[in-house]
Amino acid sequence: MTALTPIESEFATTEEAAAYDAWFRAKVERAMASTAPKIPHDQVMAGMWAIIERAKTK
């Protein structure tokens, strides 16, 4: 196990970094292989801006 410093990585060890990388890559691969209907970027961004605007008024 190789220790990492906060300057090198957000992870404490190379093993933690490798585990996160494997998890993230698997998640991306599942999303890319998904047959679920895609949501257009503009629709997602409109929803996000609505959430941001509601948060500003609170």
N, C-alpha and C. Protein backbone atom coordinates (compact mmCIF):
# COMPACT_ATOMS: atom_id res chain seq x y z
N MET A 1 0.86 -1.17 0.00
CA MET A 1 0.00 0.00 0.00
C MET A 1 0.90 1.23 0.00
N THR A 2 0.71 2.09 -0.99
CA THR A 2 1.48 3.31 -1.09
C THR A 2 0.66 4.48 -0.59
N ALA A 3 1.18 5.18 0.40
CA ALA A 3 0.48 6.35 0.93
C ALA A 3 0.66 7.53 -0.03
N LEU A 4 -0.38 8.33 -0.12
CA LEU A 4 -0.34 9.53 -0.96
C LEU A 4 -0.55 10.76 -0.08
N THR A 5 0.02 11.87 -0.49
CA THR A 5 -0.18 13.12 0.25
C THR A 5 -1.35 13.87 -0.38
N PRO A 6 -1.97 14.79 0.36
CA PRO A 6 -3.08 15.58 -0.21
C PRO A 6 -2.67 16.39 -1.44
N ILE A 7 -1.39 16.66 -1.59
CA ILE A 7 -0.92 17.39 -2.77
C ILE A 7 -0.98 16.48 -3.99
N GLU A 8 -0.73 15.18 -3.80
CA GLU A 8 -0.71 14.23 -4.91
C GLU A 8 -2.11 13.78 -5.31
N SER A 9 -2.99 13.57 -4.32
CA SER A 9 -4.26 12.93 -4.60
C SER A 9 -5.26 13.22 -3.49
N GLU A 10 -6.54 13.09 -3.83
CA GLU A 10 -7.57 13.22 -2.80
C GLU A 10 -7.74 11.92 -2.03
N PHE A 11 -7.05 10.86 -2.46
CA PHE A 11 -7.14 9.56 -1.81
C PHE A 11 -5.93 9.35 -0.91
N ALA A 12 -6.11 8.54 0.13
CA ALA A 12 -5.03 8.29 1.08
C ALA A 12 -4.00 7.31 0.54
N THR A 13 -4.44 6.38 -0.31
CA THR A 13 -3.52 5.37 -0.83
C THR A 13 -3.77 5.15 -2.32
N THR A 14 -2.79 4.51 -2.96
CA THR A 14 -2.96 4.19 -4.38
C THR A 14 -4.07 3.16 -4.56
N GLU A 15 -4.27 2.29 -3.58
CA GLU A 15 -5.33 1.30 -3.65
C GLU A 15 -6.70 1.96 -3.65
N GLU A 16 -6.89 2.98 -2.79
CA GLU A 16 -8.15 3.72 -2.77
C GLU A 16 -8.38 4.40 -4.12
N ALA A 17 -7.34 4.99 -4.67
CA ALA A 17 -7.45 5.66 -5.97
C ALA A 17 -7.82 4.66 -7.06
N ALA A 18 -7.19 3.49 -7.06
CA ALA A 18 -7.49 2.47 -8.06
C ALA A 18 -8.91 1.95 -7.90
N ALA A 19 -9.36 1.77 -6.67
CA ALA A 19 -10.73 1.27 -6.43
C ALA A 19 -11.75 2.30 -6.93
N TYR A 20 -11.51 3.56 -6.66
CA TYR A 20 -12.43 4.60 -7.14
C TYR A 20 -12.43 4.63 -8.67
N ASP A 21 -11.26 4.55 -9.28
CA ASP A 21 -11.16 4.58 -10.72
C ASP A 21 -11.95 3.42 -11.34
N ALA A 22 -11.82 2.23 -10.77
CA ALA A 22 -12.55 1.06 -11.27
C ALA A 22 -14.05 1.25 -11.13
N TRP A 23 -14.49 1.77 -9.98
CA TRP A 23 -15.92 2.01 -9.75
C TRP A 23 -16.45 3.03 -10.76
N PHE A 24 -15.71 4.12 -10.94
CA PHE A 24 -16.15 5.18 -11.84
C PHE A 24 -16.22 4.69 -13.29
N ARG A 25 -15.20 3.96 -13.72
CA ARG A 25 -15.20 3.44 -15.08
C ARG A 25 -16.37 2.49 -15.32
N ALA A 26 -16.67 1.64 -14.33
CA ALA A 26 -17.81 0.72 -14.46
C ALA A 26 -19.12 1.49 -14.55
N LYS A 27 -19.24 2.55 -13.76
CA LYS A 27 -20.46 3.36 -13.79
C LYS A 27 -20.64 4.03 -15.15
N VAL A 28 -19.56 4.55 -15.72
CA VAL A 28 -19.62 5.19 -17.03
C VAL A 28 -19.97 4.16 -18.11
N GLU A 29 -19.35 2.98 -18.03
CA GLU A 29 -19.65 1.93 -19.01
C GLU A 29 -21.11 1.51 -18.96
N ARG A 30 -21.67 1.38 -17.74
CA ARG A 30 -23.09 1.03 -17.61
C ARG A 30 -23.96 2.11 -18.22
N ALA A 31 -23.63 3.36 -17.97
CA ALA A 31 -24.42 4.47 -18.51
C ALA A 31 -24.35 4.49 -20.04
N MET A 32 -23.18 4.25 -20.58
CA MET A 32 -23.03 4.27 -22.04
C MET A 32 -23.77 3.10 -22.69
N ALA A 33 -23.86 1.98 -21.99
CA ALA A 33 -24.53 0.80 -22.53
C ALA A 33 -26.04 0.81 -22.29
N SER A 34 -26.50 1.74 -21.50
CA SER A 34 -27.92 1.81 -21.14
C SER A 34 -28.80 2.04 -22.36
N THR A 35 -29.95 1.38 -22.34
CA THR A 35 -30.92 1.59 -23.42
C THR A 35 -32.06 2.50 -22.96
N ALA A 36 -31.93 3.07 -21.78
CA ALA A 36 -32.94 4.00 -21.28
C ALA A 36 -32.99 5.23 -22.18
N PRO A 37 -34.15 5.87 -22.27
CA PRO A 37 -34.25 7.07 -23.11
C PRO A 37 -33.26 8.14 -22.64
N LYS A 38 -32.64 8.78 -23.58
CA LYS A 38 -31.67 9.83 -23.28
C LYS A 38 -32.41 11.14 -23.01
N ILE A 39 -31.83 11.96 -22.14
CA ILE A 39 -32.41 13.27 -21.84
C ILE A 39 -31.54 14.32 -22.53
N PRO A 40 -32.13 15.16 -23.37
CA PRO A 40 -31.34 16.18 -24.06
C PRO A 40 -30.64 17.12 -23.07
N HIS A 41 -29.45 17.54 -23.43
CA HIS A 41 -28.64 18.43 -22.59
C HIS A 41 -29.42 19.69 -22.21
N ASP A 42 -30.08 20.30 -23.17
CA ASP A 42 -30.83 21.55 -22.90
C ASP A 42 -31.91 21.33 -21.85
N GLN A 43 -32.56 20.17 -21.89
CA GLN A 43 -33.60 19.87 -20.90
C GLN A 43 -32.99 19.70 -19.50
N VAL A 44 -31.88 19.01 -19.43
CA VAL A 44 -31.20 18.83 -18.14
C VAL A 44 -30.76 20.18 -17.58
N MET A 45 -30.16 21.01 -18.42
CA MET A 45 -29.68 22.31 -17.96
C MET A 45 -30.83 23.22 -17.52
N ALA A 46 -31.95 23.17 -18.22
CA ALA A 46 -33.12 23.97 -17.83
C ALA A 46 -33.59 23.54 -16.44
N GLY A 47 -33.61 22.24 -16.19
CA GLY A 47 -33.99 21.74 -14.87
C GLY A 47 -33.02 22.17 -13.79
N MET A 48 -31.73 22.13 -14.11
CA MET A 48 -30.72 22.54 -13.13
C MET A 48 -30.83 24.03 -12.81
N TRP A 49 -31.03 24.84 -13.85
CA TRP A 49 -31.17 26.27 -13.60
C TRP A 49 -32.41 26.56 -12.74
N ALA A 50 -33.47 25.80 -12.93
CA ALA A 50 -34.66 25.98 -12.11
C ALA A 50 -34.35 25.65 -10.65
N ILE A 51 -33.59 24.59 -10.42
CA ILE A 51 -33.20 24.22 -9.05
C ILE A 51 -32.34 25.33 -8.44
N ILE A 52 -31.40 25.86 -9.20
CA ILE A 52 -30.51 26.92 -8.71
C ILE A 52 -31.33 28.16 -8.36
N GLU A 53 -32.25 28.53 -9.22
CA GLU A 53 -33.06 29.73 -8.99
C GLU A 53 -33.92 29.56 -7.73
N ARG A 54 -34.51 28.36 -7.55
CA ARG A 54 -35.31 28.12 -6.34
C ARG A 54 -34.43 28.21 -5.09
N ALA A 55 -33.21 27.73 -5.17
CA ALA A 55 -32.31 27.78 -4.02
C ALA A 55 -31.92 29.22 -3.69
N LYS A 56 -31.81 30.06 -4.70
CA LYS A 56 -31.47 31.47 -4.47
C LYS A 56 -32.57 32.19 -3.69
N THR A 57 -33.82 31.81 -3.90
CA THR A 57 -34.92 32.50 -3.24
C THR A 57 -35.16 32.03 -1.82
N LYS A 58 -34.49 30.97 -1.40
CA LYS A 58 -34.66 30.46 -0.04
C LYS A 58 -33.79 31.20 0.95
